[in-house]
Amino acid sequence: MSVQARADDGSGLALFADELAAARIGAGLSQAELAEQISYSASAIAMIEQRRRTPQADIARRLDDALHTFGTFARLQRHAGNSPLPSWFRPFADIEATATQLRSWEPMVVPGLLQTEAYARALLGAQPNTTEDELEERVTARMARQAILERAEPPVVWVLMDEAVLHRPVGGSKGWVRCGLAGSHLR
């Protein structure tokens, strides 16, 4: 995926990553040199610039100090984690949106792309410290991914999963849900 394609998603994390790379390059620093100045690892800087890690307040503060950006990164950091998709998944979501073929191996759960709303809600609601609003955002984002299955030329989707996934109830005390497979998308 190109840097331009990543920048076009409009997320707070993409903006933070782009501004960090621009400020770092403008200061004439490599990722390693900047990392040394702020007492972080070069891989942490790289992962933020690649949108694979959401920056925390401490690193944003240190970046502002090192790059003399007067609170810019502290302000951007507050918006960097606002996407309902986890940071590790965002690059894959970009690929998934334009793919012609997807392959997945899921031994324990129904893949997110094929989950029903009730199943997704049961799984995502089991994450600790999740508010109702966060749960709604995450479920909506997961269901929105299924739009690729409705487009004129949907991707071919290959999924390998354990048969027990189809029989395993999820949901715990919030109510059991069986087989979260969105069958309307299957052929």
Protein backbone atom coordinates (compact mmCIF):
# COMPACT_ATOMS: atom_id res chain seq x y z
CA MET A 1 0.00 0.00 0.00
CA SER A 2 1.42 3.37 -0.94
CA VAL A 3 1.99 6.20 1.50
CA GLN A 4 -0.48 8.31 -0.51
CA ALA A 5 -3.19 5.64 -0.24
CA ARG A 6 -2.72 5.52 3.52
CA ALA A 7 -2.86 9.31 3.78
CA ASP A 8 -6.17 9.48 1.95
CA ASP A 9 -8.20 7.68 4.62
CA GLY A 10 -8.75 10.87 6.63
CA SER A 11 -8.20 9.23 10.01
CA GLY A 12 -6.62 11.00 12.95
CA LEU A 13 -3.89 8.36 12.99
CA ALA A 14 -3.07 9.01 9.31
CA LEU A 15 -2.84 12.75 9.97
CA PHE A 16 -0.59 12.20 13.00
CA ALA A 17 1.64 9.85 10.98
CA ASP A 18 1.89 12.23 8.02
CA GLU A 19 2.66 15.24 10.22
CA LEU A 20 5.26 13.27 12.18
CA ALA A 21 7.04 12.17 9.00
CA ALA A 22 6.93 15.71 7.58
CA ALA A 23 8.22 17.33 10.79
CA ARG A 24 10.94 14.71 11.21
CA ILE A 25 12.14 15.05 7.62
CA GLY A 26 11.87 18.84 7.84
CA ALA A 27 14.15 18.73 10.88
CA GLY A 28 16.61 16.60 8.91
CA LEU A 29 16.28 13.62 11.26
CA SER A 30 16.12 9.91 10.58
CA GLN A 31 13.67 7.80 12.55
CA ALA A 32 16.58 6.50 14.64
CA GLU A 33 17.90 10.01 15.38
CA LEU A 34 14.48 11.27 16.44
CA ALA A 35 13.89 8.16 18.54
CA GLU A 36 17.19 8.75 20.35
CA GLN A 37 16.25 12.36 21.10
CA ILE A 38 12.93 11.39 22.71
CA SER A 39 14.16 8.16 24.40
CA TYR A 40 11.95 5.85 22.36
CA SER A 41 12.91 3.12 19.90
CA ALA A 42 13.27 3.72 16.18
CA SER A 43 10.73 0.93 15.64
CA ALA A 44 8.15 2.90 17.69
CA ILE A 45 8.62 5.91 15.40
CA ALA A 46 8.42 3.68 12.31
CA MET A 47 5.27 1.93 13.53
CA ILE A 48 3.54 5.26 14.17
CA GLU A 49 4.56 6.61 10.76
CA GLN A 50 3.26 3.38 9.18
CA ARG A 51 -0.02 3.67 11.16
CA ARG A 52 0.57 0.36 12.88
CA ARG A 53 0.70 1.92 16.36
CA THR A 54 -1.45 4.62 17.93
CA PRO A 55 0.71 7.23 19.66
CA GLN A 56 0.23 7.79 23.37
CA ALA A 57 0.22 11.19 25.12
CA ASP A 58 3.79 10.79 26.42
CA ILE A 59 5.35 10.27 22.99
CA ALA A 60 3.29 13.15 21.55
CA ARG A 61 4.61 15.48 24.28
CA ARG A 62 8.19 14.37 23.65
CA LEU A 63 7.77 14.86 19.90
CA ASP A 64 6.48 18.39 20.47
CA ASP A 65 9.54 19.16 22.61
CA ALA A 66 12.07 17.62 20.22
CA LEU A 67 10.53 19.04 17.02
CA HIS A 68 9.50 22.40 18.54
CA THR A 69 5.91 22.02 17.35
CA PHE A 70 4.26 23.83 20.29
CA GLY A 71 1.67 21.20 21.20
CA THR A 72 0.77 20.10 17.68
CA PHE A 73 1.39 16.41 18.35
CA ALA A 74 -0.37 16.57 21.73
CA ARG A 75 -3.46 17.94 19.96
CA LEU A 76 -3.23 15.43 17.10
CA GLN A 77 -2.76 12.55 19.55
CA ARG A 78 -6.22 13.13 21.02
CA HIS A 79 -7.70 12.36 17.59
CA ALA A 80 -5.29 9.63 16.49
CA GLY A 81 -7.15 6.79 18.18
CA ASN A 82 -10.66 7.80 17.14
CA SER A 83 -11.14 5.14 14.47
CA PRO A 84 -13.34 2.25 15.59
CA LEU A 85 -10.94 -0.14 13.83
CA PRO A 86 -7.88 -1.21 15.82
CA SER A 87 -4.62 0.35 14.59
CA TRP A 88 -3.15 -3.06 13.72
CA PHE A 89 -6.12 -3.74 11.41
CA ARG A 90 -6.32 -0.41 9.55
CA PRO A 91 -3.73 -1.25 6.86
CA PHE A 92 -5.56 -4.54 6.18
CA ALA A 93 -8.93 -2.74 5.99
CA ASP A 94 -7.51 -0.54 3.22
CA ILE A 95 -6.38 -3.63 1.31
CA GLU A 96 -9.64 -5.48 1.99
CA ALA A 97 -11.69 -2.62 0.54
CA THR A 98 -10.13 -3.01 -2.92
CA ALA A 99 -9.20 -6.69 -2.95
CA THR A 100 -10.34 -9.07 -5.67
CA GLN A 101 -9.58 -12.12 -3.52
CA LEU A 102 -9.31 -12.60 0.23
CA ARG A 103 -8.09 -15.63 2.14
CA SER A 104 -8.52 -16.18 5.84
CA TRP A 105 -7.71 -18.87 8.39
CA GLU A 106 -9.76 -18.50 11.58
CA PRO A 107 -9.53 -21.45 13.94
CA MET A 108 -11.50 -19.91 16.84
CA VAL A 109 -14.11 -17.42 15.55
CA VAL A 110 -16.11 -16.50 12.47
CA PRO A 111 -14.01 -13.99 10.46
CA GLY A 112 -15.10 -10.39 11.03
CA LEU A 113 -16.09 -9.90 7.40
CA LEU A 114 -18.64 -12.73 7.67
CA GLN A 115 -20.04 -12.08 11.16
CA THR A 116 -23.66 -11.31 11.89
CA GLU A 117 -24.36 -8.18 13.91
CA ALA A 118 -25.37 -10.19 16.99
CA TYR A 119 -22.21 -12.31 16.84
CA ALA A 120 -19.97 -9.26 16.37
CA ARG A 121 -21.72 -7.50 19.26
CA ALA A 122 -21.18 -10.53 21.53
CA LEU A 123 -17.47 -10.75 20.66
CA LEU A 124 -16.70 -7.04 20.74
CA GLY A 125 -18.79 -6.50 23.88
CA ALA A 126 -16.63 -8.99 25.75
CA GLN A 127 -13.62 -6.67 25.60
CA PRO A 128 -12.99 -5.09 29.01
CA ASN A 129 -13.79 -1.41 29.61
CA THR A 130 -15.84 -1.04 26.42
CA THR A 131 -18.56 1.58 26.69
CA GLU A 132 -21.90 1.21 24.89
CA ASP A 133 -20.93 4.00 22.47
CA GLU A 134 -17.59 2.34 21.68
CA LEU A 135 -19.35 -0.99 21.17
CA GLU A 136 -21.83 0.61 18.75
CA GLU A 137 -19.00 2.25 16.77
CA ARG A 138 -17.07 -1.01 16.56
CA VAL A 139 -20.08 -3.10 15.53
CA THR A 140 -21.05 -0.50 12.91
CA ALA A 141 -17.49 -0.46 11.53
CA ARG A 142 -17.41 -4.25 11.37
CA MET A 143 -20.77 -4.44 9.58
CA ALA A 144 -19.75 -1.67 7.16
CA ARG A 145 -16.87 -3.84 5.96
CA GLN A 146 -19.44 -6.23 4.45
CA ALA A 147 -20.26 -3.64 1.77
CA ILE A 148 -17.43 -5.08 -0.33
CA LEU A 149 -19.46 -8.29 -0.61
CA GLU A 150 -22.35 -6.35 -2.21
CA ARG A 151 -20.36 -4.45 -4.84
CA ALA A 152 -20.71 -5.22 -8.56
CA GLU A 153 -17.60 -7.41 -8.55
CA PRO A 154 -17.15 -8.66 -4.97
CA PRO A 155 -13.90 -10.33 -3.97
CA VAL A 156 -13.62 -14.09 -3.93
CA VAL A 157 -13.43 -14.97 -0.24
CA TRP A 158 -11.76 -18.18 0.91
CA VAL A 159 -12.17 -18.99 4.60
CA LEU A 160 -10.81 -21.97 6.47
CA MET A 161 -12.11 -22.40 10.01
CA ASP A 162 -12.63 -25.14 12.53
CA GLU A 163 -16.13 -26.67 12.36
CA ALA A 164 -16.46 -26.10 16.11
CA VAL A 165 -16.71 -22.36 15.36
CA LEU A 166 -20.14 -23.04 13.87
CA HIS A 167 -21.32 -24.70 17.09
CA ARG A 168 -19.53 -22.62 19.75
CA PRO A 169 -21.84 -20.16 21.54
CA VAL A 170 -20.46 -16.71 22.32
CA GLY A 171 -21.81 -13.91 24.47
CA GLY A 172 -21.58 -15.16 28.05
CA SER A 173 -23.90 -13.47 30.53
CA LYS A 174 -25.07 -10.97 27.89
CA GLY A 175 -26.87 -13.75 26.01
CA TRP A 176 -25.58 -16.59 23.91
CA VAL A 177 -25.29 -16.34 20.15
CA ARG A 178 -24.61 -19.35 17.95
CA CYS A 179 -22.80 -19.33 14.64
CA GLY A 180 -22.20 -15.77 13.64
CA LEU A 181 -21.87 -16.59 9.96
CA ALA A 182 -23.60 -14.09 7.73
CA GLY A 183 -25.09 -16.69 5.38
CA SER A 184 -26.60 -14.22 2.94
CA HIS A 185 -23.11 -13.57 1.59
CA LEU A 186 -22.26 -17.22 1.03
CA ARG A 187 -22.51 -18.93 -2.32
